[in-house]
PDB file of N, CA and C in Angstrom:
ATOM      1  N   MET A   1       0.828  -1.179   0.000  1.00  0.00           N
ATOM      2  CA  MET A   1       0.000   0.000   0.000  1.00  0.00           C
ATOM      3  C   MET A   1       0.878   1.251   0.000  1.00  0.00           C
ATOM      4  N   PRO A   2       0.627   2.144  -0.940  1.00  0.00           N
ATOM      5  CA  PRO A   2       1.424   3.380  -0.996  1.00  0.00           C
ATOM      6  C   PRO A   2       1.045   4.342   0.137  1.00  0.00           C
ATOM      7  N   VAL A   3       2.028   5.109   0.557  1.00  0.00           N
ATOM      8  CA  VAL A   3       1.835   6.122   1.599  1.00  0.00           C
ATOM      9  C   VAL A   3       2.214   7.475   1.005  1.00  0.00           C
ATOM     10  N   LEU A   4       1.336   8.430   1.163  1.00  0.00           N
ATOM     11  CA  LEU A   4       1.577   9.778   0.659  1.00  0.00           C
ATOM     12  C   LEU A   4       1.861  10.694   1.843  1.00  0.00           C
ATOM     13  N   VAL A   5       3.009  11.324   1.823  1.00  0.00           N
ATOM     14  CA  VAL A   5       3.407  12.230   2.897  1.00  0.00           C
ATOM     15  C   VAL A   5       3.571  13.621   2.293  1.00  0.00           C
ATOM     16  N   GLY A   6       2.863  14.568   2.859  1.00  0.00           N
ATOM     17  CA  GLY A   6       2.975  15.948   2.396  1.00  0.00           C
ATOM     18  C   GLY A   6       3.851  16.751   3.339  1.00  0.00           C
ATOM     19  N   ILE A   7       4.710  17.575   2.772  1.00  0.00           N
ATOM     20  CA  ILE A   7       5.574  18.435   3.578  1.00  0.00           C
ATOM     21  C   ILE A   7       5.182  19.875   3.276  1.00  0.00           C
ATOM     22  N   ASN A   8       4.843  20.592   4.315  1.00  0.00           N
ATOM     23  CA  ASN A   8       4.466  21.991   4.168  1.00  0.00           C
ATOM     24  C   ASN A   8       5.530  22.848   4.825  1.00  0.00           C
ATOM     25  N   LEU A   9       6.325  23.524   4.021  1.00  0.00           N
ATOM     26  CA  LEU A   9       7.350  24.407   4.534  1.00  0.00           C
ATOM     27  C   LEU A   9       6.801  25.829   4.558  1.00  0.00           C
ATOM     28  N   MET A  10       6.981  26.495   5.655  1.00  0.00           N
ATOM     29  CA  MET A  10       6.489  27.868   5.792  1.00  0.00           C
ATOM     30  C   MET A  10       7.526  28.841   5.238  1.00  0.00           C
ATOM     31  N   ILE A  11       7.800  28.736   3.966  1.00  0.00           N
ATOM     32  CA  ILE A  11       8.757  29.610   3.299  1.00  0.00           C
ATOM     33  C   ILE A  11       7.969  30.639   2.504  1.00  0.00           C
ATOM     34  N   PRO A  12       8.254  31.921   2.713  1.00  0.00           N
ATOM     35  CA  PRO A  12       7.510  32.934   1.964  1.00  0.00           C
ATOM     36  C   PRO A  12       7.837  32.873   0.471  1.00  0.00           C
ATOM     37  N   PHE A  13       6.847  33.145  -0.329  1.00  0.00           N
ATOM     38  CA  PHE A  13       7.007  33.166  -1.779  1.00  0.00           C
ATOM     39  C   PHE A  13       7.755  34.433  -2.172  1.00  0.00           C
ATOM     40  N   ILE A  14       8.815  34.288  -2.929  1.00  0.00           N
ATOM     41  CA  ILE A  14       9.587  35.435  -3.396  1.00  0.00           C
ATOM     42  C   ILE A  14       9.310  35.605  -4.881  1.00  0.00           C
ATOM     43  N   HIS A  15       8.675  36.689  -5.209  1.00  0.00           N
ATOM     44  CA  HIS A  15       8.341  36.977  -6.600  1.00  0.00           C
ATOM     45  C   HIS A  15       9.540  37.635  -7.268  1.00  0.00           C
ATOM     46  N   ARG A  16       9.989  37.064  -8.338  1.00  0.00           N
ATOM     47  CA  ARG A  16      11.096  37.649  -9.087  1.00  0.00           C
ATOM     48  C   ARG A  16      10.590  37.969 -10.488  1.00  0.00           C
ATOM     49  N   GLY A  17      10.607  39.239 -10.800  1.00  0.00           N
ATOM     50  CA  GLY A  17      10.138  39.670 -12.097  1.00  0.00           C
ATOM     51  C   GLY A  17      10.521  41.113 -12.334  1.00  0.00           C
ATOM     52  N   LYS A  18       9.911  41.731 -13.303  1.00  0.00           N
ATOM     53  CA  LYS A  18      10.295  43.101 -13.637  1.00  0.00           C
ATOM     54  C   LYS A  18       9.908  44.089 -12.542  1.00  0.00           C
ATOM     55  N   GLU A  19       8.942  43.742 -11.704  1.00  0.00           N
ATOM     56  CA  GLU A  19       8.531  44.615 -10.621  1.00  0.00           C
ATOM     57  C   GLU A  19       9.433  44.489  -9.394  1.00  0.00           C
ATOM     58  N   THR A  20      10.343  43.520  -9.383  1.00  0.00           N
ATOM     59  CA  THR A  20      11.197  43.283  -8.241  1.00  0.00           C
ATOM     60  C   THR A  20      12.363  44.257  -8.246  1.00  0.00           C
ATOM     61  N   CYS A  21      12.615  44.837  -7.108  1.00  0.00           N
ATOM     62  CA  CYS A  21      13.725  45.782  -6.970  1.00  0.00           C
ATOM     63  C   CYS A  21      14.633  45.280  -5.865  1.00  0.00           C
ATOM     64  N   TYR A  22      15.908  45.178  -6.137  1.00  0.00           N
ATOM     65  CA  TYR A  22      16.871  44.757  -5.143  1.00  0.00           C
ATOM     66  C   TYR A  22      17.598  45.993  -4.632  1.00  0.00           C
ATOM     67  N   MET A  23      17.506  46.217  -3.331  1.00  0.00           N
ATOM     68  CA  MET A  23      18.140  47.385  -2.737  1.00  0.00           C
ATOM     69  C   MET A  23      19.250  46.943  -1.802  1.00  0.00           C
ATOM     70  N   ASN A  24      20.297  47.716  -1.781  1.00  0.00           N
ATOM     71  CA  ASN A  24      21.397  47.458  -0.877  1.00  0.00           C
ATOM     72  C   ASN A  24      20.994  47.959   0.510  1.00  0.00           C
ATOM     73  N   THR A  25      20.568  47.050   1.365  1.00  0.00           N
ATOM     74  CA  THR A  25      20.062  47.442   2.676  1.00  0.00           C
ATOM     75  C   THR A  25      21.159  47.944   3.599  1.00  0.00           C
ATOM     76  N   SER A  26      22.415  47.726   3.258  1.00  0.00           N
ATOM     77  CA  SER A  26      23.498  48.247   4.091  1.00  0.00           C
ATOM     78  C   SER A  26      23.554  49.769   4.055  1.00  0.00           C
ATOM     79  N   LEU A  27      22.899  50.380   3.073  1.00  0.00           N
ATOM     80  CA  LEU A  27      22.843  51.843   3.023  1.00  0.00           C
ATOM     81  C   LEU A  27      22.118  52.423   4.228  1.00  0.00           C
ATOM     82  N   ILE A  28      21.207  51.659   4.801  1.00  0.00           N
ATOM     83  CA  ILE A  28      20.440  52.134   5.949  1.00  0.00           C
ATOM     84  C   ILE A  28      21.362  52.406   7.140  1.00  0.00           C
ATOM     85  N   ASP A  29      22.492  51.732   7.217  1.00  0.00           N
ATOM     86  CA  ASP A  29      23.429  51.940   8.317  1.00  0.00           C
ATOM     87  C   ASP A  29      24.203  53.247   8.198  1.00  0.00           C
ATOM     88  N   ASP A  30      24.174  53.853   7.028  1.00  0.00           N
ATOM     89  CA  ASP A  30      24.903  55.098   6.803  1.00  0.00           C
ATOM     90  C   ASP A  30      24.094  56.284   7.329  1.00  0.00           C
ATOM     91  N   PRO A  31      24.632  57.044   8.294  1.00  0.00           N
ATOM     92  CA  PRO A  31      23.885  58.178   8.857  1.00  0.00           C
ATOM     93  C   PRO A  31      23.520  59.246   7.821  1.00  0.00           C
ATOM     94  N   HIS A  32      24.408  59.469   6.856  1.00  0.00           N
ATOM     95  CA  HIS A  32      24.128  60.456   5.811  1.00  0.00           C
ATOM     96  C   HIS A  32      22.903  60.035   4.985  1.00  0.00           C
ATOM     97  N   PHE A  33      22.857  58.767   4.636  1.00  0.00           N
ATOM     98  CA  PHE A  33      21.732  58.267   3.846  1.00  0.00           C
ATOM     99  C   PHE A  33      20.436  58.308   4.649  1.00  0.00           C
ATOM    100  N   ARG A  34      20.500  57.983   5.936  1.00  0.00           N
ATOM    101  CA  ARG A  34      19.307  58.064   6.787  1.00  0.00           C
ATOM    102  C   ARG A  34      18.781  59.495   6.868  1.00  0.00           C
ATOM    103  N   ASP A  35      19.693  60.458   6.968  1.00  0.00           N
ATOM    104  CA  ASP A  35      19.271  61.867   6.982  1.00  0.00           C
ATOM    105  C   ASP A  35      18.599  62.253   5.671  1.00  0.00           C
ATOM    106  N   GLU A  36      19.149  61.740   4.587  1.00  0.00           N
ATOM    107  CA  GLU A  36      18.565  62.017   3.269  1.00  0.00           C
ATOM    108  C   GLU A  36      17.158  61.419   3.155  1.00  0.00           C
ATOM    109  N   ILE A  37      16.976  60.222   3.696  1.00  0.00           N
ATOM    110  CA  ILE A  37      15.648  59.597   3.688  1.00  0.00           C
ATOM    111  C   ILE A  37      14.656  60.432   4.497  1.00  0.00           C
ATOM    112  N   LYS A  38      15.084  60.932   5.649  1.00  0.00           N
ATOM    113  CA  LYS A  38      14.199  61.759   6.479  1.00  0.00           C
ATOM    114  C   LYS A  38      13.769  63.021   5.738  1.00  0.00           C
ATOM    115  N   ILE A  39      14.702  63.651   5.060  1.00  0.00           N
ATOM    116  CA  ILE A  39      14.385  64.857   4.289  1.00  0.00           C
ATOM    117  C   ILE A  39      13.403  64.532   3.174  1.00  0.00           C
ATOM    118  N   GLU A  40      13.693  63.458   2.451  1.00  0.00           N
ATOM    119  CA  GLU A  40      12.812  63.057   1.354  1.00  0.00           C
ATOM    120  C   GLU A  40      11.436  62.650   1.877  1.00  0.00           C
ATOM    121  N   TRP A  41      11.373  61.970   3.006  1.00  0.00           N
ATOM    122  CA  TRP A  41      10.095  61.537   3.572  1.00  0.00           C
ATOM    123  C   TRP A  41       9.205  62.732   3.871  1.00  0.00           C
ATOM    124  N   SER A  42       9.771  63.788   4.428  1.00  0.00           N
ATOM    125  CA  SER A  42       8.963  64.976   4.717  1.00  0.00           C
ATOM    126  C   SER A  42       8.412  65.589   3.423  1.00  0.00           C
ATOM    127  N   GLU A  43       9.173  65.497   2.355  1.00  0.00           N
ATOM    128  CA  GLU A  43       8.701  65.983   1.056  1.00  0.00           C
ATOM    129  C   GLU A  43       7.623  65.066   0.484  1.00  0.00           C
ATOM    130  N   TRP A  44       7.800  63.768   0.618  1.00  0.00           N
ATOM    131  CA  TRP A  44       6.829  62.805   0.087  1.00  0.00           C
ATOM    132  C   TRP A  44       5.491  62.932   0.792  1.00  0.00           C
ATOM    133  N   LYS A  45       5.522  63.214   2.104  1.00  0.00           N
ATOM    134  CA  LYS A  45       4.276  63.333   2.859  1.00  0.00           C
ATOM    135  C   LYS A  45       3.426  64.495   2.365  1.00  0.00           C
ATOM    136  N   ASN A  46       4.054  65.493   1.779  1.00  0.00           N
ATOM    137  CA  ASN A  46       3.302  66.633   1.238  1.00  0.00           C
ATOM    138  C   ASN A  46       2.425  66.242   0.050  1.00  0.00           C
ATOM    139  N   HIS A  47       2.672  65.102  -0.537  1.00  0.00           N
ATOM    140  CA  HIS A  47       1.938  64.666  -1.725  1.00  0.00           C
ATOM    141  C   HIS A  47       0.742  63.770  -1.409  1.00  0.00           C
ATOM    142  N   ILE A  48       0.524  63.448  -0.139  1.00  0.00           N
ATOM    143  CA  ILE A  48      -0.570  62.542   0.230  1.00  0.00           C
ATOM    144  C   ILE A  48      -1.909  63.065  -0.253  1.00  0.00           C
ATOM    145  N   ARG A  49      -2.139  64.349  -0.095  1.00  0.00           N
ATOM    146  CA  ARG A  49      -3.448  64.919  -0.449  1.00  0.00           C
ATOM    147  C   ARG A  49      -3.762  64.841  -1.947  1.00  0.00           C
ATOM    148  N   ARG A  50      -2.774  64.583  -2.761  1.00  0.00           N
ATOM    149  CA  ARG A  50      -2.987  64.487  -4.208  1.00  0.00           C
ATOM    150  C   ARG A  50      -3.527  63.127  -4.640  1.00  0.00           C
ATOM    151  N   TYR A  51      -3.565  62.175  -3.712  1.00  0.00           N
ATOM    152  CA  TYR A  51      -3.989  60.814  -4.032  1.00  0.00           C
ATOM    153  C   TYR A  51      -5.281  60.478  -3.303  1.00  0.00           C
ATOM    154  N   SER A  52      -6.025  59.564  -3.857  1.00  0.00           N
ATOM    155  CA  SER A  52      -7.332  59.211  -3.301  1.00  0.00           C
ATOM    156  C   SER A  52      -7.224  58.443  -1.985  1.00  0.00           C
ATOM    157  N   SER A  53      -6.124  57.733  -1.762  1.00  0.00           N
ATOM    158  CA  SER A  53      -5.921  57.004  -0.509  1.00  0.00           C
ATOM    159  C   SER A  53      -4.439  56.923  -0.211  1.00  0.00           C
ATOM    160  N   ILE A  54      -4.134  56.568   1.024  1.00  0.00           N
ATOM    161  CA  ILE A  54      -2.734  56.437   1.419  1.00  0.00           C
ATOM    162  C   ILE A  54      -2.081  55.274   0.676  1.00  0.00           C
ATOM    163  N   VAL A  55      -2.842  54.224   0.453  1.00  0.00           N
ATOM    164  CA  VAL A  55      -2.304  53.070  -0.280  1.00  0.00           C
ATOM    165  C   VAL A  55      -1.950  53.478  -1.709  1.00  0.00           C
ATOM    166  N   HIS A  56      -2.819  54.236  -2.334  1.00  0.00           N
ATOM    167  CA  HIS A  56      -2.568  54.717  -3.698  1.00  0.00           C
ATOM    168  C   HIS A  56      -1.326  55.615  -3.714  1.00  0.00           C
ATOM    169  N   TRP A  57      -1.209  56.482  -2.722  1.00  0.00           N
ATOM    170  CA  TRP A  57      -0.036  57.347  -2.586  1.00  0.00           C
ATOM    171  C   TRP A  57       1.226  56.500  -2.429  1.00  0.00           C
ATOM    172  N   TRP A  58       1.175  55.479  -1.567  1.00  0.00           N
ATOM    173  CA  TRP A  58       2.336  54.629  -1.320  1.00  0.00           C
ATOM    174  C   TRP A  58       2.762  53.893  -2.587  1.00  0.00           C
ATOM    175  N   GLU A  59       1.774  53.289  -3.261  1.00  0.00           N
ATOM    176  CA  GLU A  59       2.071  52.489  -4.457  1.00  0.00           C
ATOM    177  C   GLU A  59       2.589  53.339  -5.612  1.00  0.00           C
ATOM    178  N   ASN A  60       2.002  54.500  -5.828  1.00  0.00           N
ATOM    179  CA  ASN A  60       2.293  55.282  -7.029  1.00  0.00           C
ATOM    180  C   ASN A  60       3.261  56.434  -6.822  1.00  0.00           C
ATOM    181  N   HIS A  61       3.617  56.706  -5.589  1.00  0.00           N
ATOM    182  CA  HIS A  61       4.545  57.809  -5.360  1.00  0.00           C
ATOM    183  C   HIS A  61       5.756  57.363  -4.544  1.00  0.00           C
ATOM    184  N   VAL A  62       5.516  56.886  -3.333  1.00  0.00           N
ATOM    185  CA  VAL A  62       6.614  56.616  -2.406  1.00  0.00           C
ATOM    186  C   VAL A  62       7.490  55.459  -2.864  1.00  0.00           C
ATOM    187  N   LYS A  63       6.893  54.352  -3.284  1.00  0.00           N
ATOM    188  CA  LYS A  63       7.694  53.198  -3.695  1.00  0.00           C
ATOM    189  C   LYS A  63       8.636  53.554  -4.838  1.00  0.00           C
ATOM    190  N   ILE A  64       8.161  54.359  -5.759  1.00  0.00           N
ATOM    191  CA  ILE A  64       8.985  54.781  -6.893  1.00  0.00           C
ATOM    192  C   ILE A  64      10.130  55.663  -6.414  1.00  0.00           C
ATOM    193  N   LYS A  65       9.823  56.584  -5.498  1.00  0.00           N
ATOM    194  CA  LYS A  65      10.837  57.494  -4.979  1.00  0.00           C
ATOM    195  C   LYS A  65      11.885  56.763  -4.149  1.00  0.00           C
ATOM    196  N   VAL A  66      11.465  55.785  -3.365  1.00  0.00           N
ATOM    197  CA  VAL A  66      12.411  55.008  -2.555  1.00  0.00           C
ATOM    198  C   VAL A  66      13.358  54.240  -3.470  1.00  0.00           C
ATOM    199  N   LYS A  67      12.803  53.615  -4.487  1.00  0.00           N
ATOM    200  CA  LYS A  67      13.629  52.874  -5.440  1.00  0.00           C
ATOM    201  C   LYS A  67      14.638  53.810  -6.104  1.00  0.00           C
ATOM    202  N   TYR A  68      14.182  54.973  -6.531  1.00  0.00           N
ATOM    203  CA  TYR A  68      15.058  55.945  -7.173  1.00  0.00           C
ATOM    204  C   TYR A  68      16.159  56.411  -6.223  1.00  0.00           C
ATOM    205  N   LEU A  69      15.793  56.635  -4.955  1.00  0.00           N
ATOM    206  CA  LEU A  69      16.757  57.094  -3.961  1.00  0.00           C
ATOM    207  C   LEU A  69      17.868  56.069  -3.754  1.00  0.00           C
ATOM    208  N   PHE A  70      17.500  54.796  -3.630  1.00  0.00           N
ATOM    209  CA  PHE A  70      18.496  53.748  -3.452  1.00  0.00           C
ATOM    210  C   PHE A  70      19.372  53.603  -4.696  1.00  0.00           C
ATOM    211  N   VAL A  71      18.777  53.635  -5.860  1.00  0.00           N
ATOM    212  CA  VAL A  71      19.548  53.496  -7.108  1.00  0.00           C
ATOM    213  C   VAL A  71      20.514  54.657  -7.255  1.00  0.00           C
ATOM    214  N   ARG A  72      20.046  55.863  -6.971  1.00  0.00           N
ATOM    215  CA  ARG A  72      20.896  57.048  -7.092  1.00  0.00           C
ATOM    216  C   ARG A  72      22.086  56.974  -6.133  1.00  0.00           C
ATOM    217  N   GLU A  73      21.826  56.580  -4.905  1.00  0.00           N
ATOM    218  CA  GLU A  73      22.903  56.476  -3.918  1.00  0.00           C
ATOM    219  C   GLU A  73      23.923  55.403  -4.318  1.00  0.00           C
ATOM    220  N   GLU A  74      23.442  54.266  -4.772  1.00  0.00           N
ATOM    221  CA  GLU A  74      24.349  53.200  -5.224  1.00  0.00           C
ATOM    222  C   GLU A  74      25.190  53.674  -6.409  1.00  0.00           C
ATOM    223  N   THR A  75      24.571  54.373  -7.339  1.00  0.00           N
ATOM    224  CA  THR A  75      25.285  54.884  -8.507  1.00  0.00           C
ATOM    225  C   THR A  75      26.370  55.859  -8.091  1.00  0.00           C
ATOM    226  N   GLU A  76      26.047  56.758  -7.157  1.00  0.00           N
ATOM    227  CA  GLU A  76      27.036  57.720  -6.677  1.00  0.00           C
ATOM    228  C   GLU A  76      28.204  57.020  -5.994  1.00  0.00           C
ATOM    229  N   ARG A  77      27.903  56.034  -5.181  1.00  0.00           N
ATOM    230  CA  ARG A  77      28.968  55.310  -4.471  1.00  0.00           C
ATOM    231  C   ARG A  77      29.862  54.543  -5.440  1.00  0.00           C
ATOM    232  N   LYS A  78      29.271  53.891  -6.420  1.00  0.00           N
ATOM    233  CA  LYS A  78      30.074  53.161  -7.415  1.00  0.00           C
ATOM    234  C   LYS A  78      30.912  54.125  -8.244  1.00  0.00           C
ATOM    235  N   SER A  79      30.347  55.270  -8.565  1.00  0.00           N
ATOM    236  CA  SER A  79      31.075  56.279  -9.325  1.00  0.00           C
ATOM    237  C   SER A  79      32.272  56.791  -8.521  1.00  0.00           C
ATOM    238  N   ASN A  80      32.060  57.027  -7.225  1.00  0.00           N
ATOM    239  CA  ASN A  80      33.153  57.491  -6.378  1.00  0.00           C
ATOM    240  C   ASN A  80      34.255  56.440  -6.238  1.00  0.00           C
ATOM    241  N   LEU A  81      33.877  55.170  -6.161  1.00  0.00           N
ATOM    242  CA  LEU A  81      34.872  54.102  -6.073  1.00  0.00           C
ATOM    243  C   LEU A  81      35.678  53.982  -7.353  1.00  0.00           C
ATOM    244  N   ASN A  82      35.024  54.185  -8.489  1.00  0.00           N
ATOM    245  CA  ASN A  82      35.715  54.083  -9.777  1.00  0.00           C
ATOM    246  C   ASN A  82      36.691  55.230  -9.994  1.00  0.00           C
ATOM    247  N   ARG A  83      36.422  56.384  -9.397  1.00  0.00           N
ATOM    248  CA  ARG A  83      37.308  57.545  -9.536  1.00  0.00           C
ATOM    249  C   ARG A  83      38.595  57.389  -8.762  1.00  0.00           C
ATOM    250  N   LYS A  84      38.569  56.587  -7.700  1.00  0.00           N
ATOM    251  CA  LYS A  84      39.753  56.440  -6.838  1.00  0.00           C
ATOM    252  C   LYS A  84      40.836  55.642  -7.483  1.00  0.00           C
TER     253      LYS A  84
END
């Protein structure tokens, strides 16, 4: 008689596609970058009233800006390393 054993691993699904953005999380440890995020956050909050909901604001404004901020910082750091 065959025996069927199911294994359920509680591993979160990681979606990899064009919407996936990989950010260097070590930037968060940099005090200069954290200050820059705080400044940008205060600016981003000014745009909430332009959107129908906070979720809409987050999806269509903040996520894009965060991605851009990380990419810009990484680009600057790589550029500075290449100059040395």
